[in-house]
N, C-alpha and C. Protein backbone atom coordinates (compact mmCIF):
# COMPACT_ATOMS: atom_id res chain seq x y z
N MET A 1 83.13 141.19 -90.17
CA MET A 1 83.01 141.22 -91.61
C MET A 1 83.04 139.77 -92.11
N THR A 2 82.08 139.41 -92.96
CA THR A 2 82.04 138.05 -93.49
C THR A 2 83.08 137.88 -94.59
N HIS A 3 83.32 136.61 -94.96
CA HIS A 3 84.29 136.30 -96.01
C HIS A 3 83.92 137.01 -97.32
N ALA A 4 82.64 136.98 -97.70
CA ALA A 4 82.20 137.63 -98.93
C ALA A 4 82.40 139.14 -98.85
N ASP A 5 82.11 139.73 -97.69
CA ASP A 5 82.32 141.16 -97.51
C ASP A 5 83.79 141.51 -97.61
N THR A 6 84.66 140.65 -97.08
CA THR A 6 86.10 140.89 -97.16
C THR A 6 86.57 140.92 -98.59
N LYS A 7 86.12 139.96 -99.41
CA LYS A 7 86.52 139.92 -100.82
C LYS A 7 86.00 141.14 -101.56
N GLU A 8 84.78 141.56 -101.26
CA GLU A 8 84.24 142.76 -101.90
C GLU A 8 85.04 144.00 -101.49
N HIS A 9 85.43 144.06 -100.23
CA HIS A 9 86.25 145.17 -99.74
C HIS A 9 87.59 145.19 -100.48
N ILE A 10 88.21 144.03 -100.66
CA ILE A 10 89.48 143.93 -101.39
C ILE A 10 89.29 144.36 -102.84
N ALA A 11 88.19 143.92 -103.46
CA ALA A 11 87.91 144.29 -104.84
C ALA A 11 87.77 145.80 -104.99
N LEU A 12 87.03 146.43 -104.10
CA LEU A 12 86.85 147.88 -104.16
C LEU A 12 88.15 148.62 -103.90
N ALA A 13 88.96 148.11 -102.98
CA ALA A 13 90.26 148.72 -102.70
C ALA A 13 91.16 148.62 -103.93
N ALA A 14 91.11 147.49 -104.62
CA ALA A 14 91.91 147.33 -105.84
C ALA A 14 91.44 148.31 -106.92
N LEU A 15 90.13 148.44 -107.09
CA LEU A 15 89.59 149.33 -108.13
C LEU A 15 89.97 150.78 -107.87
N ASN A 16 90.19 151.15 -106.61
CA ASN A 16 90.64 152.51 -106.29
C ASN A 16 92.01 152.81 -106.88
N GLN A 17 92.74 151.78 -107.26
CA GLN A 17 94.08 151.97 -107.82
C GLN A 17 94.07 151.98 -109.35
N TYR A 18 92.88 152.05 -109.94
CA TYR A 18 92.72 152.13 -111.39
C TYR A 18 91.92 153.38 -111.73
N ALA A 19 91.96 153.77 -112.98
CA ALA A 19 91.17 154.91 -113.45
C ALA A 19 89.76 154.44 -113.76
N VAL A 20 89.08 153.92 -112.74
CA VAL A 20 87.73 153.39 -112.88
C VAL A 20 86.79 154.29 -112.10
N MET A 21 85.82 154.85 -112.80
CA MET A 21 84.90 155.78 -112.16
C MET A 21 83.56 155.10 -111.90
N ALA A 22 83.02 155.28 -110.71
CA ALA A 22 81.69 154.80 -110.30
C ALA A 22 81.46 153.33 -110.63
N PRO A 23 82.31 152.45 -110.10
CA PRO A 23 82.12 151.03 -110.42
C PRO A 23 80.95 150.41 -109.65
N GLU A 24 80.26 149.53 -110.33
CA GLU A 24 79.27 148.65 -109.69
C GLU A 24 79.85 147.26 -109.84
N ILE A 25 79.97 146.52 -108.73
CA ILE A 25 80.59 145.21 -108.83
C ILE A 25 79.61 144.12 -108.44
N ARG A 26 79.85 142.96 -109.07
CA ARG A 26 79.02 141.79 -108.79
C ARG A 26 79.93 140.57 -108.71
N PHE A 27 79.83 139.84 -107.61
CA PHE A 27 80.62 138.63 -107.41
C PHE A 27 80.23 137.60 -108.46
N LEU A 28 81.22 137.02 -109.13
CA LEU A 28 80.96 136.01 -110.15
C LEU A 28 81.21 134.60 -109.64
N GLY A 29 82.27 134.43 -108.85
CA GLY A 29 82.56 133.10 -108.35
C GLY A 29 84.01 132.96 -107.94
N LYS A 30 84.30 131.76 -107.47
CA LYS A 30 85.65 131.47 -107.00
C LYS A 30 86.09 130.11 -107.56
N SER A 31 87.24 130.11 -108.17
CA SER A 31 87.90 128.86 -108.57
C SER A 31 89.35 129.04 -108.19
N GLY A 32 90.24 129.23 -109.14
CA GLY A 32 91.62 129.57 -108.82
C GLY A 32 91.76 131.03 -108.45
N ASN A 33 90.73 131.81 -108.74
CA ASN A 33 90.68 133.23 -108.42
C ASN A 33 89.29 133.57 -107.91
N VAL A 34 89.19 134.70 -107.24
CA VAL A 34 87.87 135.24 -106.91
C VAL A 34 87.61 136.29 -107.98
N SER A 35 86.48 136.18 -108.67
CA SER A 35 86.20 137.05 -109.81
C SER A 35 84.99 137.93 -109.55
N PHE A 36 85.13 139.19 -110.00
CA PHE A 36 84.04 140.15 -109.92
C PHE A 36 83.81 140.77 -111.29
N TYR A 37 82.55 140.91 -111.65
CA TYR A 37 82.16 141.66 -112.84
C TYR A 37 82.06 143.12 -112.40
N VAL A 38 82.70 144.00 -113.15
CA VAL A 38 82.73 145.42 -112.81
C VAL A 38 82.10 146.19 -113.96
N GLU A 39 81.06 146.94 -113.64
CA GLU A 39 80.38 147.74 -114.65
C GLU A 39 80.60 149.21 -114.34
N THR A 40 81.04 149.96 -115.34
CA THR A 40 81.21 151.40 -115.20
C THR A 40 80.44 152.07 -116.33
N LEU A 41 80.43 153.38 -116.34
CA LEU A 41 79.78 154.11 -117.43
C LEU A 41 80.50 153.89 -118.75
N GLU A 42 81.82 153.66 -118.68
CA GLU A 42 82.63 153.55 -119.89
C GLU A 42 82.81 152.12 -120.39
N SER A 43 82.85 151.13 -119.49
CA SER A 43 83.18 149.78 -119.92
C SER A 43 82.76 148.74 -118.91
N ASN A 44 82.89 147.49 -119.33
CA ASN A 44 82.66 146.34 -118.45
C ASN A 44 83.99 145.64 -118.26
N LEU A 45 84.26 145.27 -117.01
CA LEU A 45 85.58 144.75 -116.65
C LEU A 45 85.46 143.47 -115.84
N LEU A 46 86.55 142.75 -115.79
CA LEU A 46 86.66 141.57 -114.95
C LEU A 46 87.81 141.82 -113.97
N LEU A 47 87.49 141.82 -112.68
CA LEU A 47 88.51 141.96 -111.65
C LEU A 47 88.77 140.59 -111.05
N ARG A 48 90.03 140.21 -111.01
CA ARG A 48 90.39 138.93 -110.40
C ARG A 48 91.25 139.18 -109.17
N ILE A 49 90.87 138.53 -108.08
CA ILE A 49 91.70 138.48 -106.88
C ILE A 49 92.37 137.12 -106.94
N HIS A 50 93.65 137.11 -107.17
CA HIS A 50 94.38 135.86 -107.35
C HIS A 50 94.63 135.24 -105.99
N GLN A 51 94.04 134.08 -105.79
CA GLN A 51 94.11 133.43 -104.48
C GLN A 51 94.27 131.93 -104.68
N ALA A 52 95.22 131.36 -104.00
CA ALA A 52 95.46 129.92 -104.11
C ALA A 52 94.29 129.13 -103.54
N LEU A 53 93.99 128.01 -104.18
CA LEU A 53 92.97 127.11 -103.65
C LEU A 53 93.52 126.42 -102.42
N PRO A 54 92.70 126.20 -101.40
CA PRO A 54 93.16 125.50 -100.19
C PRO A 54 93.70 124.11 -100.56
N GLY A 55 94.85 123.78 -99.99
CA GLY A 55 95.45 122.47 -100.21
C GLY A 55 96.25 122.36 -101.48
N LEU A 56 96.29 123.43 -102.29
CA LEU A 56 97.05 123.41 -103.53
C LEU A 56 98.54 123.49 -103.21
N GLN A 57 99.29 122.55 -103.72
CA GLN A 57 100.72 122.49 -103.42
C GLN A 57 101.51 123.59 -104.13
N ASN A 58 101.15 123.88 -105.38
CA ASN A 58 101.90 124.82 -106.18
C ASN A 58 101.05 126.07 -106.43
N ASP A 59 101.39 127.15 -105.75
CA ASP A 59 100.62 128.38 -105.91
C ASP A 59 101.31 129.37 -106.84
N ILE A 60 102.07 128.85 -107.81
CA ILE A 60 102.84 129.70 -108.71
C ILE A 60 101.95 130.70 -109.45
N TRP A 61 100.71 130.33 -109.74
CA TRP A 61 99.82 131.20 -110.51
C TRP A 61 99.34 132.41 -109.71
N GLN A 62 99.66 132.49 -108.43
CA GLN A 62 99.28 133.63 -107.61
C GLN A 62 100.45 134.59 -107.39
N LYS A 63 101.62 134.26 -107.93
CA LYS A 63 102.79 135.12 -107.75
C LYS A 63 102.73 136.31 -108.69
N PRO A 64 103.06 137.51 -108.19
CA PRO A 64 102.93 138.73 -109.00
C PRO A 64 103.66 138.66 -110.34
N ASP A 65 104.88 138.10 -110.37
CA ASP A 65 105.62 138.07 -111.64
C ASP A 65 104.98 137.12 -112.65
N VAL A 66 104.36 136.06 -112.18
CA VAL A 66 103.67 135.12 -113.08
C VAL A 66 102.38 135.76 -113.61
N ILE A 67 101.64 136.43 -112.74
CA ILE A 67 100.43 137.13 -113.17
C ILE A 67 100.79 138.20 -114.19
N GLU A 68 101.83 138.97 -113.90
CA GLU A 68 102.27 140.02 -114.81
C GLU A 68 102.67 139.44 -116.17
N SER A 69 103.36 138.33 -116.16
CA SER A 69 103.76 137.68 -117.41
C SER A 69 102.53 137.29 -118.24
N GLU A 70 101.52 136.74 -117.58
CA GLU A 70 100.28 136.36 -118.28
C GLU A 70 99.62 137.59 -118.91
N LEU A 71 99.56 138.68 -118.17
CA LEU A 71 98.91 139.89 -118.67
C LEU A 71 99.71 140.54 -119.79
N GLN A 72 101.03 140.51 -119.70
CA GLN A 72 101.86 141.03 -120.79
C GLN A 72 101.65 140.21 -122.06
N TRP A 73 101.51 138.90 -121.89
CA TRP A 73 101.27 138.02 -123.03
C TRP A 73 99.94 138.36 -123.69
N LEU A 74 98.88 138.53 -122.87
CA LEU A 74 97.58 138.92 -123.43
C LEU A 74 97.66 140.26 -124.15
N ASP A 75 98.37 141.21 -123.57
CA ASP A 75 98.53 142.52 -124.19
C ASP A 75 99.24 142.38 -125.54
N ALA A 76 100.27 141.57 -125.59
CA ALA A 76 100.99 141.35 -126.86
C ALA A 76 100.10 140.67 -127.89
N LEU A 77 99.31 139.69 -127.46
CA LEU A 77 98.39 139.03 -128.39
C LEU A 77 97.41 140.04 -128.99
N ARG A 78 96.90 140.94 -128.18
CA ARG A 78 95.94 141.95 -128.67
C ARG A 78 96.60 142.90 -129.65
N ARG A 79 97.82 143.32 -129.36
CA ARG A 79 98.50 144.31 -130.19
C ARG A 79 99.09 143.71 -131.47
N GLU A 80 99.58 142.46 -131.39
CA GLU A 80 100.40 141.93 -132.48
C GLU A 80 99.75 140.81 -133.30
N THR A 81 98.52 140.42 -132.95
CA THR A 81 97.84 139.36 -133.68
C THR A 81 96.38 139.73 -133.92
N ASN A 82 95.67 138.88 -134.61
CA ASN A 82 94.22 139.06 -134.80
C ASN A 82 93.41 138.25 -133.82
N ILE A 83 94.09 137.65 -132.84
CA ILE A 83 93.40 136.84 -131.83
C ILE A 83 92.64 137.77 -130.89
N ILE A 84 91.39 137.44 -130.62
CA ILE A 84 90.57 138.25 -129.73
C ILE A 84 90.70 137.72 -128.31
N VAL A 85 91.27 138.53 -127.44
CA VAL A 85 91.43 138.19 -126.02
C VAL A 85 91.02 139.39 -125.19
N GLN A 86 90.77 139.15 -123.92
CA GLN A 86 90.46 140.26 -123.01
C GLN A 86 91.67 141.20 -122.93
N GLU A 87 91.38 142.47 -122.81
CA GLU A 87 92.44 143.47 -122.73
C GLU A 87 92.82 143.73 -121.27
N PRO A 88 94.07 143.41 -120.90
CA PRO A 88 94.48 143.71 -119.53
C PRO A 88 94.59 145.23 -119.33
N VAL A 89 94.31 145.66 -118.11
CA VAL A 89 94.31 147.08 -117.78
C VAL A 89 95.39 147.33 -116.73
N GLN A 90 96.21 148.36 -116.99
CA GLN A 90 97.23 148.73 -116.01
C GLN A 90 96.62 149.67 -114.98
N ASN A 91 97.19 149.63 -113.76
CA ASN A 91 96.69 150.51 -112.70
C ASN A 91 97.28 151.91 -112.84
N LEU A 92 97.00 152.78 -111.91
CA LEU A 92 97.46 154.17 -111.97
C LEU A 92 98.98 154.31 -111.90
N GLU A 93 99.66 153.25 -111.47
CA GLU A 93 101.13 153.25 -111.43
C GLU A 93 101.72 152.52 -112.64
N ASP A 94 100.88 152.30 -113.67
CA ASP A 94 101.29 151.61 -114.90
C ASP A 94 101.80 150.20 -114.63
N ARG A 95 101.17 149.54 -113.68
CA ARG A 95 101.53 148.16 -113.34
C ARG A 95 100.35 147.25 -113.68
N TRP A 96 100.66 146.01 -114.03
CA TRP A 96 99.63 145.04 -114.38
C TRP A 96 99.00 144.41 -113.13
N VAL A 97 99.77 144.30 -112.06
CA VAL A 97 99.31 143.65 -110.84
C VAL A 97 99.14 144.70 -109.75
N THR A 98 97.98 144.68 -109.12
CA THR A 98 97.68 145.59 -108.02
C THR A 98 97.64 144.79 -106.73
N GLN A 99 98.38 145.26 -105.74
CA GLN A 99 98.41 144.57 -104.46
C GLN A 99 97.56 145.32 -103.45
N VAL A 100 96.75 144.53 -102.71
CA VAL A 100 95.86 145.09 -101.69
C VAL A 100 96.15 144.38 -100.38
N LEU A 101 96.32 145.16 -99.33
CA LEU A 101 96.54 144.63 -97.99
C LEU A 101 95.19 144.49 -97.29
N ALA A 102 94.86 143.28 -96.86
CA ALA A 102 93.60 143.04 -96.15
C ALA A 102 93.73 143.57 -94.73
N ASP A 103 92.76 144.38 -94.32
CA ASP A 103 92.79 145.01 -93.00
C ASP A 103 92.79 144.01 -91.87
N ASP A 104 91.94 142.99 -91.98
CA ASP A 104 91.75 142.09 -90.85
C ASP A 104 92.86 141.05 -90.69
N THR A 105 93.47 140.62 -91.78
CA THR A 105 94.48 139.54 -91.70
C THR A 105 95.89 140.01 -92.02
N GLN A 106 96.02 141.18 -92.61
CA GLN A 106 97.29 141.72 -93.08
C GLN A 106 97.87 140.90 -94.24
N ASP A 107 97.05 140.05 -94.86
CA ASP A 107 97.46 139.31 -96.05
C ASP A 107 97.49 140.26 -97.24
N ILE A 108 98.40 139.99 -98.17
CA ILE A 108 98.48 140.77 -99.39
C ILE A 108 97.81 139.97 -100.51
N PHE A 109 96.89 140.61 -101.21
CA PHE A 109 96.19 139.98 -102.32
C PHE A 109 96.61 140.63 -103.63
N ASN A 110 96.99 139.81 -104.59
CA ASN A 110 97.35 140.29 -105.92
C ASN A 110 96.08 140.31 -106.77
N CYS A 111 95.85 141.45 -107.41
CA CYS A 111 94.63 141.63 -108.20
C CYS A 111 95.00 142.06 -109.61
N SER A 112 94.12 141.74 -110.56
CA SER A 112 94.31 142.19 -111.94
C SER A 112 92.96 142.55 -112.53
N LEU A 113 93.02 143.37 -113.56
CA LEU A 113 91.80 143.88 -114.18
C LEU A 113 91.90 143.69 -115.69
N ARG A 114 90.78 143.26 -116.29
CA ARG A 114 90.72 143.07 -117.74
C ARG A 114 89.44 143.72 -118.26
N GLU A 115 89.58 144.33 -119.42
CA GLU A 115 88.42 144.93 -120.07
C GLU A 115 87.70 143.86 -120.87
N LEU A 116 86.37 143.82 -120.75
CA LEU A 116 85.58 142.80 -121.44
C LEU A 116 85.02 143.30 -122.76
N ASP A 117 84.88 144.60 -122.94
CA ASP A 117 84.28 145.14 -124.17
C ASP A 117 85.31 145.27 -125.26
């Protein structure tokens, strides 16, 4: 399995933990995260696989509690202000961060989903 195939596999495994029906995904790019555009019949979404950049000393932005804090903040901004931000989506367990175990490496990847519409 190639690196790109592995990331797509992780993305699809993460989406299985959300109420997302018939997703079509498209790789967007990699910076501090690996990002996928997710299109469904109901909405358009952004899936992020939070992954530290090679050689980065401080990977705090990939920790589940930090990711969750960011998503809670976005949710509060949407509910309590007029600021337009992406809407974070909770998984089927009502959690902001979805963890996926990679089959080939046994690494755990933290993923998050945001609604774009």
